[in-house]
Amino acid sequence: MTETEKDIVLYETEGRIARVTLNRPHALNAISDELPKAIRNAIERANADDDVHVIILQGAGKAFCSGYDLKMYAQKEGPNAGVQEMPWDPTLDYKMMMGNTQDFMSIFRSYKPVIAKIHGYAVAGGSDIALCADIVVMEDTAKIGYPPARVWGCPTTAMWVYRLGVEKAKRMLLTGDLVTGVEAKEMGLVLDAVPYDKLEERVMELAKRVGSVPKNQLMMQKMMINQALDNMGLMSTQMTATIFDGITRHSPEGMGFKSRAEEVGFQQAVKERDSGENIDWAKCQK
């Protein structure tokens, strides 16, 4: 059964607050072909609602978002939207992935502030989504990071360096490590980290405080701050990251990871990738 936007992203409002919920809980809200556009449409819906001042972005079930659905993109045999037959056409990959990136960036470009509420996991592409938000609040034991930096990915929204600075961004992307909400707060990656039973309360506290500000004030402050990142070259950095992301999936190592995922399943392939063992992924190609 094909998923629809109405199914995979839920939208509701209460007073001045809109709530956008990623709704693929059976897959830990993993990113499917349809999810990026559904997120964008929900954000645009909130922006078009004159009663809404602030948006909460969250995930249904046990996690915020576990990244791209590797059962769909890595484990499934043969080519797909994320992996072409060789030789590959970089422009086709770029068009697809930049479309997803700009869908995620609708969160960043939203005229109305977005607060990301993170529980469970916000990893790989899930961290791309979360870090586009204006304010991120995490469950203290939740995990965030970009493990595909080890093999098979480059974070296309490129928000790590803008949030962490050069050295800490390199620490995360040269290792592919995950950190807890507490560690993410200490690093300055997210605003706050609280126990799960306090997460909704903390997010609502912020949402109500932000929501009490006039919409035009919120829009101007956010646009001014975002412009500073644009002046630093955010768009050109995202272009480079998106090109590199395509290369990582079609390099000898990337194709080897895909072959290994087909052979043993994506969960085992990810476990091996993240183990720290010195694996020659290029030799894993079929």
C-alpha atoms as a PDB file:
ATOM      1  CA  MET A   1       0.000   0.000   0.000  1.00  0.00           C
ATOM      2  CA  THR A   2       1.407   3.366  -1.043  1.00  0.00           C
ATOM      3  CA  GLU A   3       1.814   5.864   1.765  1.00  0.00           C
ATOM      4  CA  THR A   4       0.165   9.255   1.383  1.00  0.00           C
ATOM      5  CA  GLU A   5       1.254  12.620   2.747  1.00  0.00           C
ATOM      6  CA  LYS A   6      -1.780  12.665   5.035  1.00  0.00           C
ATOM      7  CA  ASP A   7      -0.684   9.340   6.518  1.00  0.00           C
ATOM      8  CA  ILE A   8       3.025   9.964   7.010  1.00  0.00           C
ATOM      9  CA  VAL A   9       2.933  13.531   8.376  1.00  0.00           C
ATOM     10  CA  LEU A  10       0.198  14.565  10.785  1.00  0.00           C
ATOM     11  CA  TYR A  11      -0.828  18.191  11.247  1.00  0.00           C
ATOM     12  CA  GLU A  12      -2.816  19.730  14.068  1.00  0.00           C
ATOM     13  CA  THR A  13      -3.147  23.111  15.754  1.00  0.00           C
ATOM     14  CA  GLU A  14      -3.948  24.361  19.223  1.00  0.00           C
ATOM     15  CA  GLY A  15      -4.229  28.102  19.599  1.00  0.00           C
ATOM     16  CA  ARG A  16      -1.033  29.692  18.289  1.00  0.00           C
ATOM     17  CA  ILE A  17       0.863  26.376  18.072  1.00  0.00           C
ATOM     18  CA  ALA A  18       0.962  24.020  15.075  1.00  0.00           C
ATOM     19  CA  ARG A  19       2.231  20.492  15.611  1.00  0.00           C
ATOM     20  CA  VAL A  20       3.824  18.554  12.736  1.00  0.00           C
ATOM     21  CA  THR A  21       4.364  14.854  13.457  1.00  0.00           C
ATOM     22  CA  LEU A  22       6.434  12.441  11.365  1.00  0.00           C
ATOM     23  CA  ASN A  23       4.232   9.346  11.265  1.00  0.00           C
ATOM     24  CA  ARG A  24       6.066   6.238  10.102  1.00  0.00           C
ATOM     25  CA  PRO A  25       6.459   4.727  13.600  1.00  0.00           C
ATOM     26  CA  HIS A  26       6.782   1.159  12.263  1.00  0.00           C
ATOM     27  CA  ALA A  27      10.076   2.273  10.671  1.00  0.00           C
ATOM     28  CA  LEU A  28      11.172   4.703  13.411  1.00  0.00           C
ATOM     29  CA  ASN A  29       9.949   7.477  11.071  1.00  0.00           C
ATOM     30  CA  ALA A  30      12.620   6.604   8.511  1.00  0.00           C
ATOM     31  CA  ILE A  31      12.694   8.798   5.419  1.00  0.00           C
ATOM     32  CA  SER A  32      10.809   7.373   2.451  1.00  0.00           C
ATOM     33  CA  ASP A  33      10.439   8.825  -1.059  1.00  0.00           C
ATOM     34  CA  GLU A  34       7.301  10.672   0.059  1.00  0.00           C
ATOM     35  CA  LEU A  35       8.331  12.007   3.483  1.00  0.00           C
ATOM     36  CA  PRO A  36      10.455  15.074   2.541  1.00  0.00           C
ATOM     37  CA  LYS A  37       7.703  16.675   0.448  1.00  0.00           C
ATOM     38  CA  ALA A  38       5.102  15.843   3.099  1.00  0.00           C
ATOM     39  CA  ILE A  39       7.199  17.665   5.704  1.00  0.00           C
ATOM     40  CA  ARG A  40       7.508  20.704   3.446  1.00  0.00           C
ATOM     41  CA  ASN A  41       3.784  20.804   2.742  1.00  0.00           C
ATOM     42  CA  ALA A  42       2.976  20.655   6.460  1.00  0.00           C
ATOM     43  CA  ILE A  43       5.422  23.492   7.230  1.00  0.00           C
ATOM     44  CA  GLU A  44       3.950  25.570   4.419  1.00  0.00           C
ATOM     45  CA  ARG A  45       0.457  24.858   5.738  1.00  0.00           C
ATOM     46  CA  ALA A  46       1.472  26.232   9.127  1.00  0.00           C
ATOM     47  CA  ASN A  47       2.987  29.296   7.479  1.00  0.00           C
ATOM     48  CA  ALA A  48      -0.277  29.928   5.623  1.00  0.00           C
ATOM     49  CA  ASP A  49      -2.341  29.697   8.833  1.00  0.00           C
ATOM     50  CA  ASP A  50      -2.730  33.211  10.202  1.00  0.00           C
ATOM     51  CA  ASP A  51      -3.482  31.906  13.690  1.00  0.00           C
ATOM     52  CA  VAL A  52      -0.194  29.991  14.005  1.00  0.00           C
ATOM     53  CA  HIS A  53       2.846  31.696  15.548  1.00  0.00           C
ATOM     54  CA  VAL A  54       5.142  28.715  16.245  1.00  0.00           C
ATOM     55  CA  ILE A  55       5.573  25.116  15.030  1.00  0.00           C
ATOM     56  CA  ILE A  56       6.517  21.992  17.004  1.00  0.00           C
ATOM     57  CA  LEU A  57       8.162  19.258  14.904  1.00  0.00           C
ATOM     58  CA  GLN A  58       8.155  15.774  16.424  1.00  0.00           C
ATOM     59  CA  GLY A  59       8.046  12.060  15.645  1.00  0.00           C
ATOM     60  CA  ALA A  60       5.414   9.432  16.438  1.00  0.00           C
ATOM     61  CA  GLY A  61       6.295   6.228  18.235  1.00  0.00           C
ATOM     62  CA  LYS A  62       9.723   5.406  19.649  1.00  0.00           C
ATOM     63  CA  ALA A  63      11.904   7.952  17.802  1.00  0.00           C
ATOM     64  CA  PHE A  64      12.027  11.290  16.035  1.00  0.00           C
ATOM     65  CA  CYS A  65      13.633   9.942  12.855  1.00  0.00           C
ATOM     66  CA  SER A  66      16.105   7.122  12.209  1.00  0.00           C
ATOM     67  CA  GLY A  67      17.361   8.511   8.888  1.00  0.00           C
ATOM     68  CA  TYR A  68      16.733   7.287   5.366  1.00  0.00           C
ATOM     69  CA  ASP A  69      14.880   3.988   5.145  1.00  0.00           C
ATOM     70  CA  LEU A  70      17.812   1.663   4.426  1.00  0.00           C
ATOM     71  CA  LYS A  71      15.472  -1.280   3.972  1.00  0.00           C
ATOM     72  CA  MET A  72      14.211   0.628   0.938  1.00  0.00           C
ATOM     73  CA  TYR A  73      17.430   2.257  -0.277  1.00  0.00           C
ATOM     74  CA  ALA A  74      20.254  -0.137   0.755  1.00  0.00           C
ATOM     75  CA  GLN A  75      18.870  -3.591   1.520  1.00  0.00           C
ATOM     76  CA  LYS A  76      16.539  -3.882  -1.470  1.00  0.00           C
ATOM     77  CA  GLU A  77      18.372  -5.480  -4.374  1.00  0.00           C
ATOM     78  CA  GLY A  78      19.180  -3.457  -7.456  1.00  0.00           C
ATOM     79  CA  PRO A  79      19.052   0.269  -8.248  1.00  0.00           C
ATOM     80  CA  ASN A  80      16.623   2.709  -6.644  1.00  0.00           C
ATOM     81  CA  ALA A  81      16.183   6.450  -6.215  1.00  0.00           C
ATOM     82  CA  GLY A  82      19.366   6.630  -4.118  1.00  0.00           C
ATOM     83  CA  VAL A  83      21.617   4.165  -5.944  1.00  0.00           C
ATOM     84  CA  GLN A  84      21.925   3.990  -9.736  1.00  0.00           C
ATOM     85  CA  GLU A  85      23.445   1.314 -11.918  1.00  0.00           C
ATOM     86  CA  MET A  86      27.027   2.099 -12.862  1.00  0.00           C
ATOM     87  CA  PRO A  87      28.122   4.265 -14.561  1.00  0.00           C
ATOM     88  CA  TRP A  88      25.886   6.683 -12.702  1.00  0.00           C
ATOM     89  CA  ASP A  89      24.620  10.124 -13.698  1.00  0.00           C
ATOM     90  CA  PRO A  90      25.528  12.608 -10.916  1.00  0.00           C
ATOM     91  CA  THR A  91      23.016  15.160 -12.171  1.00  0.00           C
ATOM     92  CA  LEU A  92      20.080  12.796 -11.664  1.00  0.00           C
ATOM     93  CA  ASP A  93      21.229  12.005  -8.140  1.00  0.00           C
ATOM     94  CA  TYR A  94      21.800  15.687  -7.379  1.00  0.00           C
ATOM     95  CA  LYS A  95      18.330  16.645  -8.600  1.00  0.00           C
ATOM     96  CA  MET A  96      16.730  14.030  -6.361  1.00  0.00           C
ATOM     97  CA  MET A  97      18.779  14.689  -3.232  1.00  0.00           C
ATOM     98  CA  MET A  98      18.780  18.484  -3.535  1.00  0.00           C
ATOM     99  CA  GLY A  99      14.993  18.285  -3.796  1.00  0.00           C
ATOM    100  CA  ASN A 100      14.929  16.432  -0.477  1.00  0.00           C
ATOM    101  CA  THR A 101      17.406  18.886   1.042  1.00  0.00           C
ATOM    102  CA  GLN A 102      15.286  21.867   0.077  1.00  0.00           C
ATOM    103  CA  ASP A 103      12.201  20.126   1.462  1.00  0.00           C
ATOM    104  CA  PHE A 104      14.032  19.749   4.793  1.00  0.00           C
ATOM    105  CA  MET A 105      15.210  23.360   4.564  1.00  0.00           C
ATOM    106  CA  SER A 106      11.584  24.505   4.475  1.00  0.00           C
ATOM    107  CA  ILE A 107      11.945  24.131   8.255  1.00  0.00           C
ATOM    108  CA  PHE A 108      14.908  26.520   8.281  1.00  0.00           C
ATOM    109  CA  ARG A 109      13.233  28.949   5.828  1.00  0.00           C
ATOM    110  CA  SER A 110       9.857  28.850   7.586  1.00  0.00           C
ATOM    111  CA  TYR A 111       8.744  32.364   8.527  1.00  0.00           C
ATOM    112  CA  LYS A 112       7.389  30.885  11.738  1.00  0.00           C
ATOM    113  CA  PRO A 113       9.855  29.454  14.279  1.00  0.00           C
ATOM    114  CA  VAL A 114      10.179  25.678  14.490  1.00  0.00           C
ATOM    115  CA  ILE A 115      10.996  23.820  17.714  1.00  0.00           C
ATOM    116  CA  ALA A 116      12.177  20.229  17.193  1.00  0.00           C
ATOM    117  CA  LYS A 117      11.184  17.792  19.930  1.00  0.00           C
ATOM    118  CA  ILE A 118      13.638  14.885  19.824  1.00  0.00           C
ATOM    119  CA  HIS A 119      13.175  11.542  21.520  1.00  0.00           C
ATOM    120  CA  GLY A 120      14.710   8.154  20.798  1.00  0.00           C
ATOM    121  CA  TYR A 121      16.853   8.848  17.748  1.00  0.00           C
ATOM    122  CA  ALA A 122      17.591  11.690  15.344  1.00  0.00           C
ATOM    123  CA  VAL A 123      20.298  10.053  13.282  1.00  0.00           C
ATOM    124  CA  ALA A 124      21.667  10.282   9.759  1.00  0.00           C
ATOM    125  CA  GLY A 125      19.001  12.012   7.613  1.00  0.00           C
ATOM    126  CA  GLY A 126      16.965  12.416  10.789  1.00  0.00           C
ATOM    127  CA  SER A 127      19.659  14.733  12.132  1.00  0.00           C
ATOM    128  CA  ASP A 128      19.518  16.655   8.841  1.00  0.00           C
ATOM    129  CA  ILE A 129      15.846  17.325   9.561  1.00  0.00           C
ATOM    130  CA  ALA A 130      16.230  18.096  13.260  1.00  0.00           C
ATOM    131  CA  LEU A 131      19.122  20.532  12.829  1.00  0.00           C
ATOM    132  CA  CYS A 132      17.106  22.627  10.366  1.00  0.00           C
ATOM    133  CA  ALA A 133      14.868  23.650  13.267  1.00  0.00           C
ATOM    134  CA  ASP A 134      15.385  26.947  15.063  1.00  0.00           C
ATOM    135  CA  ILE A 135      15.429  25.388  18.530  1.00  0.00           C
ATOM    136  CA  VAL A 136      16.091  21.730  19.363  1.00  0.00           C
ATOM    137  CA  VAL A 137      15.106  20.127  22.672  1.00  0.00           C
ATOM    138  CA  MET A 138      16.142  16.512  23.246  1.00  0.00           C
ATOM    139  CA  GLU A 139      15.300  13.705  25.580  1.00  0.00           C
ATOM    140  CA  ASP A 140      18.414  13.403  27.729  1.00  0.00           C
ATOM    141  CA  THR A 141      19.106   9.794  26.664  1.00  0.00           C
ATOM    142  CA  ALA A 142      18.107  10.230  23.016  1.00  0.00           C
ATOM    143  CA  LYS A 143      20.843   9.853  20.391  1.00  0.00           C
ATOM    144  CA  ILE A 144      21.840  12.219  17.599  1.00  0.00           C
ATOM    145  CA  GLY A 145      24.593  11.936  15.019  1.00  0.00           C
ATOM    146  CA  TYR A 146      25.456  11.145  11.411  1.00  0.00           C
ATOM    147  CA  PRO A 147      26.854   7.575  11.189  1.00  0.00           C
ATOM    148  CA  PRO A 148      26.776   7.510   7.338  1.00  0.00           C
ATOM    149  CA  ALA A 149      29.771   9.860   7.503  1.00  0.00           C
ATOM    150  CA  ARG A 150      31.713   6.603   7.970  1.00  0.00           C
ATOM    151  CA  VAL A 151      30.414   5.119   4.704  1.00  0.00           C
ATOM    152  CA  TRP A 152      27.484   5.985   2.414  1.00  0.00           C
ATOM    153  CA  GLY A 153      26.637   9.568   3.257  1.00  0.00           C
ATOM    154  CA  CYS A 154      27.390  13.264   3.655  1.00  0.00           C
ATOM    155  CA  PRO A 155      24.905  15.475   5.569  1.00  0.00           C
ATOM    156  CA  THR A 156      23.213  17.442   2.804  1.00  0.00           C
ATOM    157  CA  THR A 157      21.715  20.210   4.948  1.00  0.00           C
ATOM    158  CA  ALA A 158      25.269  20.790   6.293  1.00  0.00           C
ATOM    159  CA  MET A 159      24.045  22.290   9.553  1.00  0.00           C
ATOM    160  CA  TRP A 160      26.708  20.676  11.766  1.00  0.00           C
ATOM    161  CA  VAL A 161      29.437  23.260  11.236  1.00  0.00           C
ATOM    162  CA  TYR A 162      27.045  26.183  11.633  1.00  0.00           C
ATOM    163  CA  ARG A 163      25.775  24.847  14.953  1.00  0.00           C
ATOM    164  CA  LEU A 164      29.015  23.458  16.401  1.00  0.00           C
ATOM    165  CA  GLY A 165      31.933  25.274  14.798  1.00  0.00           C
ATOM    166  CA  VAL A 166      34.732  23.651  12.830  1.00  0.00           C
ATOM    167  CA  GLU A 167      36.458  21.352  15.323  1.00  0.00           C
ATOM    168  CA  LYS A 168      33.365  19.875  16.963  1.00  0.00           C
ATOM    169  CA  ALA A 169      31.719  19.393  13.566  1.00  0.00           C
ATOM    170  CA  LYS A 170      34.817  17.495  12.449  1.00  0.00           C
ATOM    171  CA  ARG A 171      34.742  15.451  15.656  1.00  0.00           C
ATOM    172  CA  MET A 172      31.212  14.310  14.777  1.00  0.00           C
ATOM    173  CA  LEU A 173      31.632  13.797  11.030  1.00  0.00           C
ATOM    174  CA  LEU A 174      35.101  12.243  11.063  1.00  0.00           C
ATOM    175  CA  THR A 175      33.885   9.576  13.487  1.00  0.00           C
ATOM    176  CA  GLY A 176      30.186   9.169  12.673  1.00  0.00           C
ATOM    177  CA  ASP A 177      29.586   8.873  16.413  1.00  0.00           C
ATOM    178  CA  LEU A 178      26.252   9.298  18.147  1.00  0.00           C
ATOM    179  CA  VAL A 179      25.943  11.479  21.242  1.00  0.00           C
ATOM    180  CA  THR A 180      23.208  11.647  23.860  1.00  0.00           C
ATOM    181  CA  GLY A 181      20.944  14.613  24.420  1.00  0.00           C
ATOM    182  CA  VAL A 182      23.022  15.566  27.465  1.00  0.00           C
ATOM    183  CA  GLU A 183      26.236  15.471  25.418  1.00  0.00           C
ATOM    184  CA  ALA A 184      24.594  17.378  22.563  1.00  0.00           C
ATOM    185  CA  LYS A 185      23.591  20.126  24.993  1.00  0.00           C
ATOM    186  CA  GLU A 186      27.103  20.293  26.420  1.00  0.00           C
ATOM    187  CA  MET A 187      28.525  20.608  22.888  1.00  0.00           C
ATOM    188  CA  GLY A 188      26.120  23.422  22.056  1.00  0.00           C
ATOM    189  CA  LEU A 189      24.394  21.380  19.350  1.00  0.00           C
ATOM    190  CA  VAL A 190      20.939  21.639  20.965  1.00  0.00           C
ATOM    191  CA  LEU A 191      19.351  24.076  23.402  1.00  0.00           C
ATOM    192  CA  ASP A 192      18.272  21.673  26.112  1.00  0.00           C
ATOM    193  CA  ALA A 193      18.104  18.031  27.167  1.00  0.00           C
ATOM    194  CA  VAL A 194      15.562  16.794  29.704  1.00  0.00           C
ATOM    195  CA  PRO A 195      14.157  13.444  30.880  1.00  0.00           C
ATOM    196  CA  TYR A 196      11.487  11.991  28.617  1.00  0.00           C
ATOM    197  CA  ASP A 197       8.704  12.668  31.106  1.00  0.00           C
ATOM    198  CA  LYS A 198       9.649  16.371  31.062  1.00  0.00           C
ATOM    199  CA  LEU A 199      10.163  16.701  27.299  1.00  0.00           C
ATOM    200  CA  GLU A 200       6.642  17.765  26.313  1.00  0.00           C
ATOM    201  CA  GLU A 201       6.474  20.218  29.210  1.00  0.00           C
ATOM    202  CA  ARG A 202       9.795  21.854  28.249  1.00  0.00           C
ATOM    203  CA  VAL A 203       8.875  22.084  24.572  1.00  0.00           C
ATOM    204  CA  MET A 204       5.463  23.564  25.359  1.00  0.00           C
ATOM    205  CA  GLU A 205       7.047  26.077  27.728  1.00  0.00           C
ATOM    206  CA  LEU A 206       9.232  27.342  24.893  1.00  0.00           C
ATOM    207  CA  ALA A 207       6.442  27.169  22.304  1.00  0.00           C
ATOM    208  CA  LYS A 208       4.075  29.236  24.446  1.00  0.00           C
ATOM    209  CA  ARG A 209       6.790  31.790  25.195  1.00  0.00           C
ATOM    210  CA  VAL A 210       7.748  32.136  21.527  1.00  0.00           C
ATOM    211  CA  GLY A 211       4.096  32.048  20.502  1.00  0.00           C
ATOM    212  CA  SER A 212       3.303  35.082  22.645  1.00  0.00           C
ATOM    213  CA  VAL A 213       5.437  37.250  20.310  1.00  0.00           C
ATOM    214  CA  PRO A 214       3.771  38.911  17.274  1.00  0.00           C
ATOM    215  CA  LYS A 215       4.268  36.976  14.032  1.00  0.00           C
ATOM    216  CA  ASN A 216       5.979  39.879  12.297  1.00  0.00           C
ATOM    217  CA  GLN A 217       8.533  40.191  15.102  1.00  0.00           C
ATOM    218  CA  LEU A 218       9.263  36.462  14.968  1.00  0.00           C
ATOM    219  CA  MET A 219       9.647  36.566  11.197  1.00  0.00           C
ATOM    220  CA  MET A 220      12.060  39.493  11.235  1.00  0.00           C
ATOM    221  CA  GLN A 221      14.270  38.107  14.004  1.00  0.00           C
ATOM    222  CA  LYS A 222      14.489  34.696  12.364  1.00  0.00           C
ATOM    223  CA  MET A 223      15.213  36.107   8.900  1.00  0.00           C
ATOM    224  CA  MET A 224      17.947  38.348  10.292  1.00  0.00           C
ATOM    225  CA  ILE A 225      19.696  35.452  12.041  1.00  0.00           C
ATOM    226  CA  ASN A 226      19.300  33.124   9.054  1.00  0.00           C
ATOM    227  CA  GLN A 227      20.804  35.773   6.791  1.00  0.00           C
ATOM    228  CA  ALA A 228      24.036  35.545   8.763  1.00  0.00           C
ATOM    229  CA  LEU A 229      24.298  31.862   7.823  1.00  0.00           C
ATOM    230  CA  ASP A 230      23.458  32.659   4.213  1.00  0.00           C
ATOM    231  CA  ASN A 231      26.243  35.248   4.248  1.00  0.00           C
ATOM    232  CA  MET A 232      28.636  32.528   5.446  1.00  0.00           C
ATOM    233  CA  GLY A 233      27.843  30.488   2.335  1.00  0.00           C
ATOM    234  CA  LEU A 234      25.221  28.026   3.540  1.00  0.00           C
ATOM    235  CA  MET A 235      23.790  27.423   0.061  1.00  0.00           C
ATOM    236  CA  SER A 236      27.168  26.732  -1.545  1.00  0.00           C
ATOM    237  CA  THR A 237      28.083  24.426   1.340  1.00  0.00           C
ATOM    238  CA  GLN A 238      24.837  22.508   0.828  1.00  0.00           C
ATOM    239  CA  MET A 239      25.544  22.214  -2.886  1.00  0.00           C
ATOM    240  CA  THR A 240      28.934  20.661  -2.165  1.00  0.00           C
ATOM    241  CA  ALA A 241      27.495  18.382   0.530  1.00  0.00           C
ATOM    242  CA  THR A 242      24.732  17.158  -1.776  1.00  0.00           C
ATOM    243  CA  ILE A 243      27.182  16.390  -4.588  1.00  0.00           C
ATOM    244  CA  PHE A 244      29.441  14.557  -2.145  1.00  0.00           C
ATOM    245  CA  ASP A 245      26.481  12.612  -0.726  1.00  0.00           C
ATOM    246  CA  GLY A 246      25.799  11.191  -4.170  1.00  0.00           C
ATOM    247  CA  ILE A 247      29.453  10.288  -4.613  1.00  0.00           C
ATOM    248  CA  THR A 248      29.558   8.465  -1.257  1.00  0.00           C
ATOM    249  CA  ARG A 249      26.728   6.196  -2.384  1.00  0.00           C
ATOM    250  CA  HIS A 250      28.379   5.439  -5.749  1.00  0.00           C
ATOM    251  CA  SER A 251      32.041   5.196  -4.690  1.00  0.00           C
ATOM    252  CA  PRO A 252      33.622   1.699  -4.573  1.00  0.00           C
ATOM    253  CA  GLU A 253      33.106   1.705  -0.794  1.00  0.00           C
ATOM    254  CA  GLY A 254      29.547   2.953  -1.102  1.00  0.00           C
ATOM    255  CA  MET A 255      28.634   0.293  -3.641  1.00  0.00           C
ATOM    256  CA  GLY A 256      30.320  -2.258  -1.378  1.00  0.00           C
ATOM    257  CA  PHE A 257      28.151  -1.168   1.552  1.00  0.00           C
ATOM    258  CA  LYS A 258      25.053  -1.512  -0.650  1.00  0.00           C
ATOM    259  CA  SER A 259      26.128  -5.029  -1.655  1.00  0.00           C
ATOM    260  CA  ARG A 260      26.737  -5.970   1.965  1.00  0.00           C
ATOM    261  CA  ALA A 261      23.308  -4.632   2.992  1.00  0.00           C
ATOM    262  CA  GLU A 262      21.685  -6.712   0.266  1.00  0.00           C
ATOM    263  CA  GLU A 263      23.578  -9.773   1.471  1.00  0.00           C
ATOM    264  CA  VAL A 264      23.101  -9.603   5.245  1.00  0.00           C
ATOM    265  CA  GLY A 265      20.419  -6.935   5.728  1.00  0.00           C
ATOM    266  CA  PHE A 266      20.882  -3.250   6.427  1.00  0.00           C
ATOM    267  CA  GLN A 267      20.930  -3.610  10.211  1.00  0.00           C
ATOM    268  CA  GLN A 268      23.917  -5.967  10.156  1.00  0.00           C
ATOM    269  CA  ALA A 269      25.685  -3.844   7.515  1.00  0.00           C
ATOM    270  CA  VAL A 270      25.207  -0.733   9.663  1.00  0.00           C
ATOM    271  CA  LYS A 271      26.452  -2.610  12.728  1.00  0.00           C
ATOM    272  CA  GLU A 272      29.618  -3.560  10.857  1.00  0.00           C
ATOM    273  CA  ARG A 273      30.095  -0.042   9.490  1.00  0.00           C
ATOM    274  CA  ASP A 274      29.777   1.555  12.907  1.00  0.00           C
ATOM    275  CA  SER A 275      31.880  -1.049  14.734  1.00  0.00           C
ATOM    276  CA  GLY A 276      35.199   0.719  14.186  1.00  0.00           C
ATOM    277  CA  GLU A 277      36.715  -2.332  12.481  1.00  0.00           C
ATOM    278  CA  ASN A 278      39.021  -1.693   9.525  1.00  0.00           C
ATOM    279  CA  ILE A 279      36.718  -2.989   6.785  1.00  0.00           C
ATOM    280  CA  ASP A 280      37.688  -2.734   3.109  1.00  0.00           C
ATOM    281  CA  TRP A 281      34.219  -1.877   1.863  1.00  0.00           C
ATOM    282  CA  ALA A 282      35.309  -1.767  -1.782  1.00  0.00           C
ATOM    283  CA  LYS A 283      35.954  -5.535  -1.624  1.00  0.00           C
ATOM    284  CA  CYS A 284      32.348  -6.113  -0.565  1.00  0.00           C
ATOM    285  CA  GLN A 285      31.043  -5.260  -4.046  1.00  0.00           C
ATOM    286  CA  LYS A 286      29.278  -8.080  -5.840  1.00  0.00           C
END
